């Protein structure tokens, strides 16, 4: 439980910092929502580990939204399945950026993160 609270605090600080810097210049932060993008292995190798990470993040953002969001904006988490494949991670990352998400969030796995890093 302590880990969940620590993760939650870290997430909210990161989101607030991003919103403060980019709310006027990014498509992913509108008047009513803040759109975050995530790609991870919902299926395939490692999916049993990732499932809990994804569910925890979603629950946390749902709680923020239930409390009124961030400055009245709801957090929308767009999640794509990369099946634990770094090539899929890169393709999903490009897709999310093309969709105009404010920030990328919650990538999981060193090979996937390394592949997606610019």
PDB file of N, CA and C in Angstrom:
ATOM      1  N   UNK A   1       0.827  -1.186   0.000  1.00  0.00           N
ATOM      2  CA  UNK A   1       0.000   0.000   0.000  1.00  0.00           C
ATOM      3  C   UNK A   1       0.873   1.251   0.000  1.00  0.00           C
ATOM      4  N   UNK A   2       1.972   1.221   0.774  1.00  0.00           N
ATOM      5  CA  UNK A   2       2.860   2.375   0.820  1.00  0.00           C
ATOM      6  C   UNK A   2       3.450   2.645  -0.564  1.00  0.00           C
ATOM      7  N   UNK A   3       3.788   1.573  -1.290  1.00  0.00           N
ATOM      8  CA  UNK A   3       4.321   1.728  -2.638  1.00  0.00           C
ATOM      9  C   UNK A   3       3.300   2.391  -3.545  1.00  0.00           C
ATOM     10  N   UNK A   4       2.029   2.021  -3.417  1.00  0.00           N
ATOM     11  CA  UNK A   4       0.968   2.614  -4.225  1.00  0.00           C
ATOM     12  C   UNK A   4       0.871   4.109  -3.961  1.00  0.00           C
ATOM     13  N   UNK A   5       0.935   4.506  -2.691  1.00  0.00           N
ATOM     14  CA  UNK A   5       0.850   5.926  -2.348  1.00  0.00           C
ATOM     15  C   UNK A   5       2.067   6.691  -2.869  1.00  0.00           C
ATOM     16  N   UNK A   6       3.250   6.088  -2.771  1.00  0.00           N
ATOM     17  CA  UNK A   6       4.454   6.727  -3.283  1.00  0.00           C
ATOM     18  C   UNK A   6       4.363   6.884  -4.791  1.00  0.00           C
ATOM     19  N   UNK A   7       3.923   5.837  -5.482  1.00  0.00           N
ATOM     20  CA  UNK A   7       3.734   5.904  -6.928  1.00  0.00           C
ATOM     21  C   UNK A   7       2.721   6.985  -7.268  1.00  0.00           C
ATOM     22  N   UNK A   8       1.657   7.028  -6.520  1.00  0.00           N
ATOM     23  CA  UNK A   8       0.613   8.017  -6.768  1.00  0.00           C
ATOM     24  C   UNK A   8       1.119   9.434  -6.628  1.00  0.00           C
ATOM     25  N   UNK A   9       1.855   9.694  -5.575  1.00  0.00           N
ATOM     26  CA  UNK A   9       2.396  11.045  -5.369  1.00  0.00           C
ATOM     27  C   UNK A   9       3.362  11.416  -6.488  1.00  0.00           C
ATOM     28  N   UNK A  10       4.189  10.466  -6.879  1.00  0.00           N
ATOM     29  CA  UNK A  10       5.138  10.716  -7.958  1.00  0.00           C
ATOM     30  C   UNK A  10       4.408  11.020  -9.257  1.00  0.00           C
ATOM     31  N   UNK A  11       3.367  10.254  -9.536  1.00  0.00           N
ATOM     32  CA  UNK A  11       2.597  10.469 -10.763  1.00  0.00           C
ATOM     33  C   UNK A  11       1.950  11.840 -10.786  1.00  0.00           C
ATOM     34  N   UNK A  12       1.338  12.229  -9.708  1.00  0.00           N
ATOM     35  CA  UNK A  12       0.630  13.507  -9.692  1.00  0.00           C
ATOM     36  C   UNK A  12       1.607  14.670  -9.812  1.00  0.00           C
ATOM     37  N   UNK A  13       2.761  14.576  -9.177  1.00  0.00           N
ATOM     38  CA  UNK A  13       3.764  15.635  -9.305  1.00  0.00           C
ATOM     39  C   UNK A  13       4.248  15.728 -10.748  1.00  0.00           C
ATOM     40  N   UNK A  14       4.498  14.583 -11.363  1.00  0.00           N
ATOM     41  CA  UNK A  14       4.953  14.587 -12.758  1.00  0.00           C
ATOM     42  C   UNK A  14       3.891  15.164 -13.683  1.00  0.00           C
ATOM     43  N   UNK A  15       2.653  14.760 -13.493  1.00  0.00           N
ATOM     44  CA  UNK A  15       1.571  15.264 -14.341  1.00  0.00           C
ATOM     45  C   UNK A  15       1.389  16.761 -14.140  1.00  0.00           C
ATOM     46  N   UNK A  16       1.399  17.220 -12.915  1.00  0.00           N
ATOM     47  CA  UNK A  16       1.246  18.654 -12.656  1.00  0.00           C
ATOM     48  C   UNK A  16       2.385  19.455 -13.273  1.00  0.00           C
ATOM     49  N   UNK A  17       3.589  18.938 -13.190  1.00  0.00           N
ATOM     50  CA  UNK A  17       4.729  19.635 -13.790  1.00  0.00           C
ATOM     51  C   UNK A  17       4.562  19.728 -15.297  1.00  0.00           C
ATOM     52  N   UNK A  18       4.141  18.639 -15.908  1.00  0.00           N
ATOM     53  CA  UNK A  18       3.928  18.645 -17.352  1.00  0.00           C
ATOM     54  C   UNK A  18       2.807  19.583 -17.751  1.00  0.00           C
ATOM     55  N   UNK A  19       1.738  19.559 -17.005  1.00  0.00           N
ATOM     56  CA  UNK A  19       0.602  20.424 -17.314  1.00  0.00           C
ATOM     57  C   UNK A  19       1.013  21.882 -17.184  1.00  0.00           C
ATOM     58  N   UNK A  20       1.738  22.200 -16.142  1.00  0.00           N
ATOM     59  CA  UNK A  20       2.172  23.576 -15.940  1.00  0.00           C
ATOM     60  C   UNK A  20       3.054  24.084 -17.058  1.00  0.00           C
ATOM     61  N   UNK A  21       3.875  23.239 -17.617  1.00  0.00           N
ATOM     62  CA  UNK A  21       4.783  23.640 -18.681  1.00  0.00           C
ATOM     63  C   UNK A  21       4.124  23.673 -20.047  1.00  0.00           C
ATOM     64  N   UNK A  22       3.164  22.792 -20.284  1.00  0.00           N
ATOM     65  CA  UNK A  22       2.708  22.618 -21.655  1.00  0.00           C
ATOM     66  C   UNK A  22       1.223  22.800 -21.888  1.00  0.00           C
ATOM     67  N   UNK A  23       0.480  23.227 -20.919  1.00  0.00           N
ATOM     68  CA  UNK A  23      -0.968  23.254 -21.053  1.00  0.00           C
ATOM     69  C   UNK A  23      -1.440  24.139 -22.200  1.00  0.00           C
ATOM     70  N   UNK A  24      -0.706  25.192 -22.515  1.00  0.00           N
ATOM     71  CA  UNK A  24      -1.148  26.087 -23.573  1.00  0.00           C
ATOM     72  C   UNK A  24      -0.591  25.716 -24.938  1.00  0.00           C
ATOM     73  N   UNK A  25       0.407  24.856 -24.988  1.00  0.00           N
ATOM     74  CA  UNK A  25       1.071  24.609 -26.254  1.00  0.00           C
ATOM     75  C   UNK A  25       0.875  23.210 -26.813  1.00  0.00           C
ATOM     76  N   UNK A  26       0.213  22.335 -26.105  1.00  0.00           N
ATOM     77  CA  UNK A  26       0.082  20.956 -26.552  1.00  0.00           C
ATOM     78  C   UNK A  26      -1.365  20.599 -26.834  1.00  0.00           C
ATOM     79  N   UNK A  27      -1.554  19.747 -27.838  1.00  0.00           N
ATOM     80  CA  UNK A  27      -2.891  19.245 -28.133  1.00  0.00           C
ATOM     81  C   UNK A  27      -3.430  18.389 -27.003  1.00  0.00           C
ATOM     82  N   UNK A  28      -2.546  17.697 -26.274  1.00  0.00           N
ATOM     83  CA  UNK A  28      -2.958  16.752 -25.253  1.00  0.00           C
ATOM     84  C   UNK A  28      -3.524  17.364 -23.989  1.00  0.00           C
ATOM     85  N   UNK A  29      -3.502  18.679 -23.882  1.00  0.00           N
ATOM     86  CA  UNK A  29      -4.079  19.340 -22.712  1.00  0.00           C
ATOM     87  C   UNK A  29      -5.075  20.376 -23.199  1.00  0.00           C
ATOM     88  N   UNK A  30      -6.327  20.007 -23.124  1.00  0.00           N
ATOM     89  CA  UNK A  30      -7.377  20.918 -23.542  1.00  0.00           C
ATOM     90  C   UNK A  30      -8.058  21.541 -22.344  1.00  0.00           C
ATOM     91  N   UNK A  31      -9.186  22.174 -22.605  1.00  0.00           N
ATOM     92  CA  UNK A  31      -9.929  22.824 -21.522  1.00  0.00           C
ATOM     93  C   UNK A  31     -10.600  21.819 -20.600  1.00  0.00           C
ATOM     94  N   UNK A  32     -10.876  20.605 -21.119  1.00  0.00           N
ATOM     95  CA  UNK A  32     -11.606  19.633 -20.305  1.00  0.00           C
ATOM     96  C   UNK A  32     -10.822  18.366 -19.992  1.00  0.00           C
ATOM     97  N   UNK A  33      -9.690  18.133 -20.680  1.00  0.00           N
ATOM     98  CA  UNK A  33      -8.967  16.888 -20.429  1.00  0.00           C
ATOM     99  C   UNK A  33      -7.468  17.047 -20.625  1.00  0.00           C
ATOM    100  N   UNK A  34      -6.751  16.116 -20.015  1.00  0.00           N
ATOM    101  CA  UNK A  34      -5.309  15.974 -20.165  1.00  0.00           C
ATOM    102  C   UNK A  34      -5.106  14.554 -20.671  1.00  0.00           C
ATOM    103  N   UNK A  35      -4.525  14.421 -21.858  1.00  0.00           N
ATOM    104  CA  UNK A  35      -4.390  13.105 -22.473  1.00  0.00           C
ATOM    105  C   UNK A  35      -2.960  12.610 -22.313  1.00  0.00           C
ATOM    106  N   UNK A  36      -2.815  11.457 -21.661  1.00  0.00           N
ATOM    107  CA  UNK A  36      -1.532  10.794 -21.482  1.00  0.00           C
ATOM    108  C   UNK A  36      -1.524   9.527 -22.322  1.00  0.00           C
ATOM    109  N   UNK A  37      -0.367   9.179 -22.863  1.00  0.00           N
ATOM    110  CA  UNK A  37      -0.247   7.978 -23.681  1.00  0.00           C
ATOM    111  C   UNK A  37       0.667   6.961 -23.035  1.00  0.00           C
ATOM    112  N   UNK A  38       0.338   5.694 -23.244  1.00  0.00           N
ATOM    113  CA  UNK A  38       1.092   4.603 -22.624  1.00  0.00           C
ATOM    114  C   UNK A  38       1.086   3.416 -23.571  1.00  0.00           C
ATOM    115  N   UNK A  39       2.243   2.776 -23.722  1.00  0.00           N
ATOM    116  CA  UNK A  39       2.326   1.527 -24.457  1.00  0.00           C
ATOM    117  C   UNK A  39       3.046   0.516 -23.578  1.00  0.00           C
ATOM    118  N   UNK A  40       2.442  -0.651 -23.440  1.00  0.00           N
ATOM    119  CA  UNK A  40       3.037  -1.713 -22.630  1.00  0.00           C
ATOM    120  C   UNK A  40       2.455  -3.059 -23.032  1.00  0.00           C
ATOM    121  N   UNK A  41       3.015  -4.113 -22.464  1.00  0.00           N
ATOM    122  CA  UNK A  41       2.641  -5.482 -22.841  1.00  0.00           C
ATOM    123  C   UNK A  41       1.380  -5.924 -22.109  1.00  0.00           C
ATOM    124  N   UNK A  42       0.230  -5.575 -22.666  1.00  0.00           N
ATOM    125  CA  UNK A  42      -1.029  -6.054 -22.089  1.00  0.00           C
ATOM    126  C   UNK A  42      -1.249  -7.521 -22.426  1.00  0.00           C
ATOM    127  N   UNK A  43      -0.609  -7.974 -23.499  1.00  0.00           N
ATOM    128  CA  UNK A  43      -0.618  -9.386 -23.882  1.00  0.00           C
ATOM    129  C   UNK A  43       0.827  -9.788 -24.170  1.00  0.00           C
ATOM    130  N   UNK A  44       1.075 -11.081 -24.228  1.00  0.00           N
ATOM    131  CA  UNK A  44       2.416 -11.558 -24.535  1.00  0.00           C
ATOM    132  C   UNK A  44       3.285 -11.679 -23.292  1.00  0.00           C
ATOM    133  N   UNK A  45       4.607 -11.865 -23.511  1.00  0.00           N
ATOM    134  CA  UNK A  45       5.533 -12.043 -22.393  1.00  0.00           C
ATOM    135  C   UNK A  45       5.520 -10.840 -21.450  1.00  0.00           C
ATOM    136  N   UNK A  46       5.457 -11.120 -20.177  1.00  0.00           N
ATOM    137  CA  UNK A  46       5.484 -10.061 -19.179  1.00  0.00           C
ATOM    138  C   UNK A  46       4.143  -9.429 -18.873  1.00  0.00           C
ATOM    139  N   UNK A  47       3.108  -9.850 -19.579  1.00  0.00           N
ATOM    140  CA  UNK A  47       1.802  -9.208 -19.385  1.00  0.00           C
ATOM    141  C   UNK A  47       1.258  -9.415 -17.972  1.00  0.00           C
ATOM    142  N   UNK A  48       1.613 -10.526 -17.342  1.00  0.00           N
ATOM    143  CA  UNK A  48       1.106 -10.764 -15.984  1.00  0.00           C
ATOM    144  C   UNK A  48       1.680  -9.745 -14.993  1.00  0.00           C
ATOM    145  N   UNK A  49       2.889  -9.275 -15.229  1.00  0.00           N
ATOM    146  CA  UNK A  49       3.485  -8.248 -14.369  1.00  0.00           C
ATOM    147  C   UNK A  49       2.933  -6.865 -14.695  1.00  0.00           C
ATOM    148  N   UNK A  50       2.801  -6.585 -15.959  1.00  0.00           N
ATOM    149  CA  UNK A  50       2.381  -5.263 -16.424  1.00  0.00           C
ATOM    150  C   UNK A  50       0.933  -4.972 -16.064  1.00  0.00           C
ATOM    151  N   UNK A  51       0.119  -5.994 -16.046  1.00  0.00           N
ATOM    152  CA  UNK A  51      -1.312  -5.813 -15.755  1.00  0.00           C
ATOM    153  C   UNK A  51      -1.529  -5.038 -14.455  1.00  0.00           C
ATOM    154  N   UNK A  52      -0.792  -5.379 -13.406  1.00  0.00           N
ATOM    155  CA  UNK A  52      -0.968  -4.715 -12.116  1.00  0.00           C
ATOM    156  C   UNK A  52      -0.492  -3.262 -12.169  1.00  0.00           C
ATOM    157  N   UNK A  53       0.588  -3.026 -12.861  1.00  0.00           N
ATOM    158  CA  UNK A  53       1.095  -1.666 -13.036  1.00  0.00           C
ATOM    159  C   UNK A  53       0.052  -0.807 -13.753  1.00  0.00           C
ATOM    160  N   UNK A  54      -0.501  -1.330 -14.825  1.00  0.00           N
ATOM    161  CA  UNK A  54      -1.511  -0.604 -15.603  1.00  0.00           C
ATOM    162  C   UNK A  54      -2.781  -0.367 -14.782  1.00  0.00           C
ATOM    163  N   UNK A  55      -3.239  -1.399 -14.091  1.00  0.00           N
ATOM    164  CA  UNK A  55      -4.457  -1.258 -13.279  1.00  0.00           C
ATOM    165  C   UNK A  55      -4.260  -0.238 -12.160  1.00  0.00           C
ATOM    166  N   UNK A  56      -3.083  -0.244 -11.539  1.00  0.00           N
ATOM    167  CA  UNK A  56      -2.803   0.713 -10.471  1.00  0.00           C
ATOM    168  C   UNK A  56      -2.800   2.145 -10.978  1.00  0.00           C
ATOM    169  N   UNK A  57      -2.176   2.366 -12.116  1.00  0.00           N
ATOM    170  CA  UNK A  57      -2.158   3.713 -12.697  1.00  0.00           C
ATOM    171  C   UNK A  57      -3.565   4.154 -13.066  1.00  0.00           C
ATOM    172  N   UNK A  58      -4.325   3.255 -13.676  1.00  0.00           N
ATOM    173  CA  UNK A  58      -5.693   3.595 -14.077  1.00  0.00           C
ATOM    174  C   UNK A  58      -6.550   3.925 -12.854  1.00  0.00           C
ATOM    175  N   UNK A  59      -6.435   3.133 -11.804  1.00  0.00           N
ATOM    176  CA  UNK A  59      -7.178   3.421 -10.571  1.00  0.00           C
ATOM    177  C   UNK A  59      -6.791   4.781  -9.994  1.00  0.00           C
ATOM    178  N   UNK A  60      -5.511   5.078 -10.023  1.00  0.00           N
ATOM    179  CA  UNK A  60      -5.052   6.354  -9.486  1.00  0.00           C
ATOM    180  C   UNK A  60      -5.632   7.516 -10.289  1.00  0.00           C
ATOM    181  N   UNK A  61      -5.562   7.434 -11.610  1.00  0.00           N
ATOM    182  CA  UNK A  61      -6.116   8.504 -12.447  1.00  0.00           C
ATOM    183  C   UNK A  61      -7.631   8.581 -12.302  1.00  0.00           C
ATOM    184  N   UNK A  62      -8.291   7.449 -12.148  1.00  0.00           N
ATOM    185  CA  UNK A  62      -9.745   7.456 -11.911  1.00  0.00           C
ATOM    186  C   UNK A  62     -10.074   8.196 -10.613  1.00  0.00           C
ATOM    187  N   UNK A  63      -9.254   7.996  -9.579  1.00  0.00           N
ATOM    188  CA  UNK A  63      -9.462   8.704  -8.306  1.00  0.00           C
ATOM    189  C   UNK A  63      -9.258  10.208  -8.464  1.00  0.00           C
ATOM    190  N   UNK A  64      -8.246  10.593  -9.224  1.00  0.00           N
ATOM    191  CA  UNK A  64      -8.031  12.022  -9.481  1.00  0.00           C
ATOM    192  C   UNK A  64      -9.241  12.598 -10.214  1.00  0.00           C
ATOM    193  N   UNK A  65      -9.709  11.882 -11.226  1.00  0.00           N
ATOM    194  CA  UNK A  65     -10.868  12.353 -11.995  1.00  0.00           C
ATOM    195  C   UNK A  65     -12.115  12.447 -11.129  1.00  0.00           C
ATOM    196  N   UNK A  66     -12.309  11.475 -10.245  1.00  0.00           N
ATOM    197  CA  UNK A  66     -13.483  11.482  -9.363  1.00  0.00           C
ATOM    198  C   UNK A  66     -13.452  12.669  -8.397  1.00  0.00           C
ATOM    199  N   UNK A  67     -12.245  13.149  -8.102  1.00  0.00           N
ATOM    200  CA  UNK A  67     -12.092  14.293  -7.204  1.00  0.00           C
ATOM    201  C   UNK A  67     -12.080  15.624  -7.961  1.00  0.00           C
ATOM    202  N   UNK A  68     -12.410  15.581  -9.234  1.00  0.00           N
ATOM    203  CA  UNK A  68     -12.486  16.821 -10.011  1.00  0.00           C
ATOM    204  C   UNK A  68     -11.364  17.033 -11.001  1.00  0.00           C
ATOM    205  N   UNK A  69     -10.439  16.075 -11.079  1.00  0.00           N
ATOM    206  CA  UNK A  69      -9.348  16.190 -12.038  1.00  0.00           C
ATOM    207  C   UNK A  69      -8.261  17.141 -11.574  1.00  0.00           C
ATOM    208  N   UNK A  70      -7.499  17.644 -12.514  1.00  0.00           N
ATOM    209  CA  UNK A  70      -6.425  18.600 -12.250  1.00  0.00           C
ATOM    210  C   UNK A  70      -6.869  19.939 -12.824  1.00  0.00           C
ATOM    211  N   UNK A  71      -7.116  20.888 -11.950  1.00  0.00           N
ATOM    212  CA  UNK A  71      -7.636  22.198 -12.363  1.00  0.00           C
ATOM    213  C   UNK A  71      -8.885  22.037 -13.228  1.00  0.00           C
ATOM    214  N   UNK A  72      -9.719  21.072 -12.849  1.00  0.00           N
ATOM    215  CA  UNK A  72     -10.969  20.841 -13.560  1.00  0.00           C
ATOM    216  C   UNK A  72     -10.839  19.990 -14.804  1.00  0.00           C
ATOM    217  N   UNK A  73      -9.630  19.588 -15.151  1.00  0.00           N
ATOM    218  CA  UNK A  73      -9.416  18.760 -16.342  1.00  0.00           C
ATOM    219  C   UNK A  73      -9.342  17.292 -15.938  1.00  0.00           C
ATOM    220  N   UNK A  74     -10.050  16.444 -16.654  1.00  0.00           N
ATOM    221  CA  UNK A  74      -9.997  15.006 -16.421  1.00  0.00           C
ATOM    222  C   UNK A  74      -8.769  14.425 -17.116  1.00  0.00           C
ATOM    223  N   UNK A  75      -8.174  13.412 -16.502  1.00  0.00           N
ATOM    224  CA  UNK A  75      -7.038  12.723 -17.106  1.00  0.00           C
ATOM    225  C   UNK A  75      -7.574  11.584 -17.957  1.00  0.00           C
ATOM    226  N   UNK A  76      -7.151  11.554 -19.202  1.00  0.00           N
ATOM    227  CA  UNK A  76      -7.519  10.476 -20.119  1.00  0.00           C
ATOM    228  C   UNK A  76      -6.248   9.696 -20.426  1.00  0.00           C
ATOM    229  N   UNK A  77      -6.251   8.409 -20.122  1.00  0.00           N
ATOM    230  CA  UNK A  77      -5.091   7.558 -20.372  1.00  0.00           C
ATOM    231  C   UNK A  77      -5.364   6.704 -21.602  1.00  0.00           C
ATOM    232  N   UNK A  78      -4.597   6.938 -22.668  1.00  0.00           N
ATOM    233  CA  UNK A  78      -4.703   6.149 -23.895  1.00  0.00           C
ATOM    234  C   UNK A  78      -3.639   5.064 -23.807  1.00  0.00           C
ATOM    235  N   UNK A  79      -4.063   3.803 -23.786  1.00  0.00           N
ATOM    236  CA  UNK A  79      -3.145   2.682 -23.613  1.00  0.00           C
ATOM    237  C   UNK A  79      -3.143   1.802 -24.852  1.00  0.00           C
ATOM    238  N   UNK A  80      -1.952   1.507 -25.362  1.00  0.00           N
ATOM    239  CA  UNK A  80      -1.785   0.617 -26.505  1.00  0.00           C
ATOM    240  C   UNK A  80      -0.972  -0.600 -26.076  1.00  0.00           C
ATOM    241  N   UNK A  81      -1.265  -1.736 -26.676  1.00  0.00           N
ATOM    242  CA  UNK A  81      -0.595  -3.003 -26.360  1.00  0.00           C
ATOM    243  C   UNK A  81       0.597  -3.200 -27.294  1.00  0.00           C
ATOM    244  N   UNK A  82       1.808  -3.269 -26.728  1.00  0.00           N
ATOM    245  CA  UNK A  82       2.990  -3.524 -27.562  1.00  0.00           C
ATOM    246  C   UNK A  82       3.441  -4.984 -27.501  1.00  0.00           C
ATOM    247  N   UNK A  83       2.735  -5.804 -26.749  1.00  0.00           N
ATOM    248  CA  UNK A  83       2.998  -7.243 -26.626  1.00  0.00           C
ATOM    249  C   UNK A  83       4.418  -7.548 -26.143  1.00  0.00           C
ATOM    250  N   UNK A  84       5.066  -6.578 -25.500  1.00  0.00           N
ATOM    251  CA  UNK A  84       6.429  -6.780 -25.019  1.00  0.00           C
ATOM    252  C   UNK A  84       7.470  -6.739 -26.120  1.00  0.00           C
ATOM    253  N   UNK A  85       7.082  -6.319 -27.312  1.00  0.00           N
ATOM    254  CA  UNK A  85       7.962  -6.285 -28.474  1.00  0.00           C
ATOM    255  C   UNK A  85       8.459  -4.853 -28.694  1.00  0.00           C
ATOM    256  N   UNK A  86       9.779  -4.612 -28.597  1.00  0.00           N
ATOM    257  CA  UNK A  86      10.300  -3.256 -28.751  1.00  0.00           C
ATOM    258  C   UNK A  86       9.902  -2.574 -30.065  1.00  0.00           C
ATOM    259  N   UNK A  87       9.812  -3.326 -31.157  1.00  0.00           N
ATOM    260  CA  UNK A  87       9.392  -2.727 -32.434  1.00  0.00           C
ATOM    261  C   UNK A  87       7.961  -2.205 -32.334  1.00  0.00           C
ATOM    262  N   UNK A  88       7.108  -2.944 -31.641  1.00  0.00           N
ATOM    263  CA  UNK A  88       5.730  -2.481 -31.431  1.00  0.00           C
ATOM    264  C   UNK A  88       5.702  -1.257 -30.521  1.00  0.00           C
ATOM    265  N   UNK A  89       6.612  -1.219 -29.547  1.00  0.00           N
ATOM    266  CA  UNK A  89       6.694  -0.064 -28.652  1.00  0.00           C
ATOM    267  C   UNK A  89       6.998   1.197 -29.448  1.00  0.00           C
ATOM    268  N   UNK A  90       7.945   1.097 -30.373  1.00  0.00           N
ATOM    269  CA  UNK A  90       8.305   2.248 -31.206  1.00  0.00           C
ATOM    270  C   UNK A  90       7.111   2.684 -32.053  1.00  0.00           C
ATOM    271  N   UNK A  91       6.441   1.730 -32.698  1.00  0.00           N
ATOM    272  CA  UNK A  91       5.276   2.057 -33.534  1.00  0.00           C
ATOM    273  C   UNK A  91       4.163   2.689 -32.703  1.00  0.00           C
ATOM    274  N   UNK A  92       3.905   2.133 -31.524  1.00  0.00           N
ATOM    275  CA  UNK A  92       2.859   2.678 -30.651  1.00  0.00           C
ATOM    276  C   UNK A  92       3.223   4.072 -30.148  1.00  0.00           C
ATOM    277  N   UNK A  93       4.500   4.279 -29.855  1.00  0.00           N
ATOM    278  CA  UNK A  93       4.951   5.592 -29.395  1.00  0.00           C
ATOM    279  C   UNK A  93       4.707   6.639 -30.473  1.00  0.00           C
ATOM    280  N   UNK A  94       5.059   6.306 -31.694  1.00  0.00           N
ATOM    281  CA  UNK A  94       4.816   7.239 -32.809  1.00  0.00           C
ATOM    282  C   UNK A  94       3.327   7.524 -32.967  1.00  0.00           C
ATOM    283  N   UNK A  95       2.520   6.476 -32.854  1.00  0.00           N
ATOM    284  CA  UNK A  95       1.069   6.641 -32.981  1.00  0.00           C
ATOM    285  C   UNK A  95       0.537   7.578 -31.893  1.00  0.00           C
ATOM    286  N   UNK A  96       0.983   7.377 -30.662  1.00  0.00           N
ATOM    287  CA  UNK A  96       0.535   8.230 -29.557  1.00  0.00           C
ATOM    288  C   UNK A  96       0.957   9.683 -29.764  1.00  0.00           C
ATOM    289  N   UNK A  97       2.197   9.881 -30.192  1.00  0.00           N
ATOM    290  CA  UNK A  97       2.670  11.243 -30.446  1.00  0.00           C
ATOM    291  C   UNK A  97       1.892  11.887 -31.592  1.00  0.00           C
ATOM    292  N   UNK A  98       1.591  11.110 -32.627  1.00  0.00           N
ATOM    293  CA  UNK A  98       0.788  11.620 -33.743  1.00  0.00           C
ATOM    294  C   UNK A  98      -0.620  12.003 -33.292  1.00  0.00           C
ATOM    295  N   UNK A  99      -1.125  11.311 -32.273  1.00  0.00           N
ATOM    296  CA  UNK A  99      -2.457  11.623 -31.737  1.00  0.00           C
ATOM    297  C   UNK A  99      -2.432  12.878 -30.864  1.00  0.00           C
ATOM    298  N   UNK A 100      -1.239  13.376 -30.539  1.00  0.00           N
ATOM    299  CA  UNK A 100      -1.122  14.618 -29.788  1.00  0.00           C
ATOM    300  C   UNK A 100      -1.246  14.485 -28.284  1.00  0.00           C
ATOM    301  N   UNK A 101      -0.847  13.330 -27.720  1.00  0.00           N
ATOM    302  CA  UNK A 101      -0.900  13.203 -26.263  1.00  0.00           C
ATOM    303  C   UNK A 101       0.030  14.237 -25.629  1.00  0.00           C
ATOM    304  N   UNK A 102      -0.311  14.680 -24.435  1.00  0.00           N
ATOM    305  CA  UNK A 102       0.520  15.655 -23.727  1.00  0.00           C
ATOM    306  C   UNK A 102       1.843  15.037 -23.301  1.00  0.00           C
ATOM    307  N   UNK A 103       1.765  13.797 -22.805  1.00  0.00           N
ATOM    308  CA  UNK A 103       2.948  13.138 -22.276  1.00  0.00           C
ATOM    309  C   UNK A 103       2.824  11.636 -22.452  1.00  0.00           C
ATOM    310  N   UNK A 104       3.976  10.990 -22.556  1.00  0.00           N
ATOM    311  CA  UNK A 104       4.026   9.533 -22.560  1.00  0.00           C
ATOM    312  C   UNK A 104       4.232   9.085 -21.122  1.00  0.00           C
ATOM    313  N   UNK A 105       3.561   8.010 -20.757  1.00  0.00           N
ATOM    314  CA  UNK A 105       3.551   7.590 -19.363  1.00  0.00           C
ATOM    315  C   UNK A 105       3.607   6.074 -19.268  1.00  0.00           C
ATOM    316  N   UNK A 106       4.336   5.559 -18.297  1.00  0.00           N
ATOM    317  CA  UNK A 106       4.226   4.179 -17.872  1.00  0.00           C
ATOM    318  C   UNK A 106       4.724   3.126 -18.832  1.00  0.00           C
ATOM    319  N   UNK A 107       5.770   3.402 -19.573  1.00  0.00           N
ATOM    320  CA  UNK A 107       6.364   2.345 -20.390  1.00  0.00           C
ATOM    321  C   UNK A 107       6.976   1.320 -19.438  1.00  0.00           C
ATOM    322  N   UNK A 108       7.028   0.063 -19.851  1.00  0.00           N
ATOM    323  CA  UNK A 108       7.484  -0.989 -18.948  1.00  0.00           C
ATOM    324  C   UNK A 108       8.435  -1.912 -19.696  1.00  0.00           C
ATOM    325  N   UNK A 109       9.626  -2.089 -19.167  1.00  0.00           N
ATOM    326  CA  UNK A 109      10.611  -3.002 -19.729  1.00  0.00           C
ATOM    327  C   UNK A 109      11.779  -2.248 -20.343  1.00  0.00           C
ATOM    328  N   UNK A 110      12.984  -2.602 -19.958  1.00  0.00           N
ATOM    329  CA  UNK A 110      14.171  -1.907 -20.465  1.00  0.00           C
ATOM    330  C   UNK A 110      14.300  -1.958 -21.982  1.00  0.00           C
ATOM    331  N   UNK A 111      14.107  -3.118 -22.632  1.00  0.00           N
ATOM    332  CA  UNK A 111      14.223  -3.132 -24.096  1.00  0.00           C
ATOM    333  C   UNK A 111      13.193  -2.219 -24.769  1.00  0.00           C
ATOM    334  N   UNK A 112      11.994  -2.169 -24.210  1.00  0.00           N
ATOM    335  CA  UNK A 112      10.947  -1.339 -24.785  1.00  0.00           C
ATOM    336  C   UNK A 112      11.271   0.149 -24.603  1.00  0.00           C
ATOM    337  N   UNK A 113      11.685   0.517 -23.403  1.00  0.00           N
ATOM    338  CA  UNK A 113      12.010   1.919 -23.125  1.00  0.00           C
ATOM    339  C   UNK A 113      13.191   2.361 -23.979  1.00  0.00           C
ATOM    340  N   UNK A 114      14.221   1.531 -24.063  1.00  0.00           N
ATOM    341  CA  UNK A 114      15.404   1.862 -24.857  1.00  0.00           C
ATOM    342  C   UNK A 114      15.042   2.048 -26.325  1.00  0.00           C
ATOM    343  N   UNK A 115      14.186   1.202 -26.853  1.00  0.00           N
ATOM    344  CA  UNK A 115      13.783   1.305 -28.259  1.00  0.00           C
ATOM    345  C   UNK A 115      12.998   2.580 -28.529  1.00  0.00           C
ATOM    346  N   UNK A 116      12.174   3.001 -27.590  1.00  0.00           N
ATOM    347  CA  UNK A 116      11.319   4.174 -27.789  1.00  0.00           C
ATOM    348  C   UNK A 116      12.037   5.481 -27.499  1.00  0.00           C
ATOM    349  N   UNK A 117      13.137   5.414 -26.781  1.00  0.00           N
ATOM    350  CA  UNK A 117      13.861   6.639 -26.412  1.00  0.00           C
ATOM    351  C   UNK A 117      14.454   7.266 -27.668  1.00  0.00           C
ATOM    352  N   UNK A 118      14.293   8.593 -27.835  1.00  0.00           N
ATOM    353  CA  UNK A 118      14.768   9.235 -29.080  1.00  0.00           C
ATOM    354  C   UNK A 118      16.260   9.135 -29.295  1.00  0.00           C
TER     355      UNK A 118
END
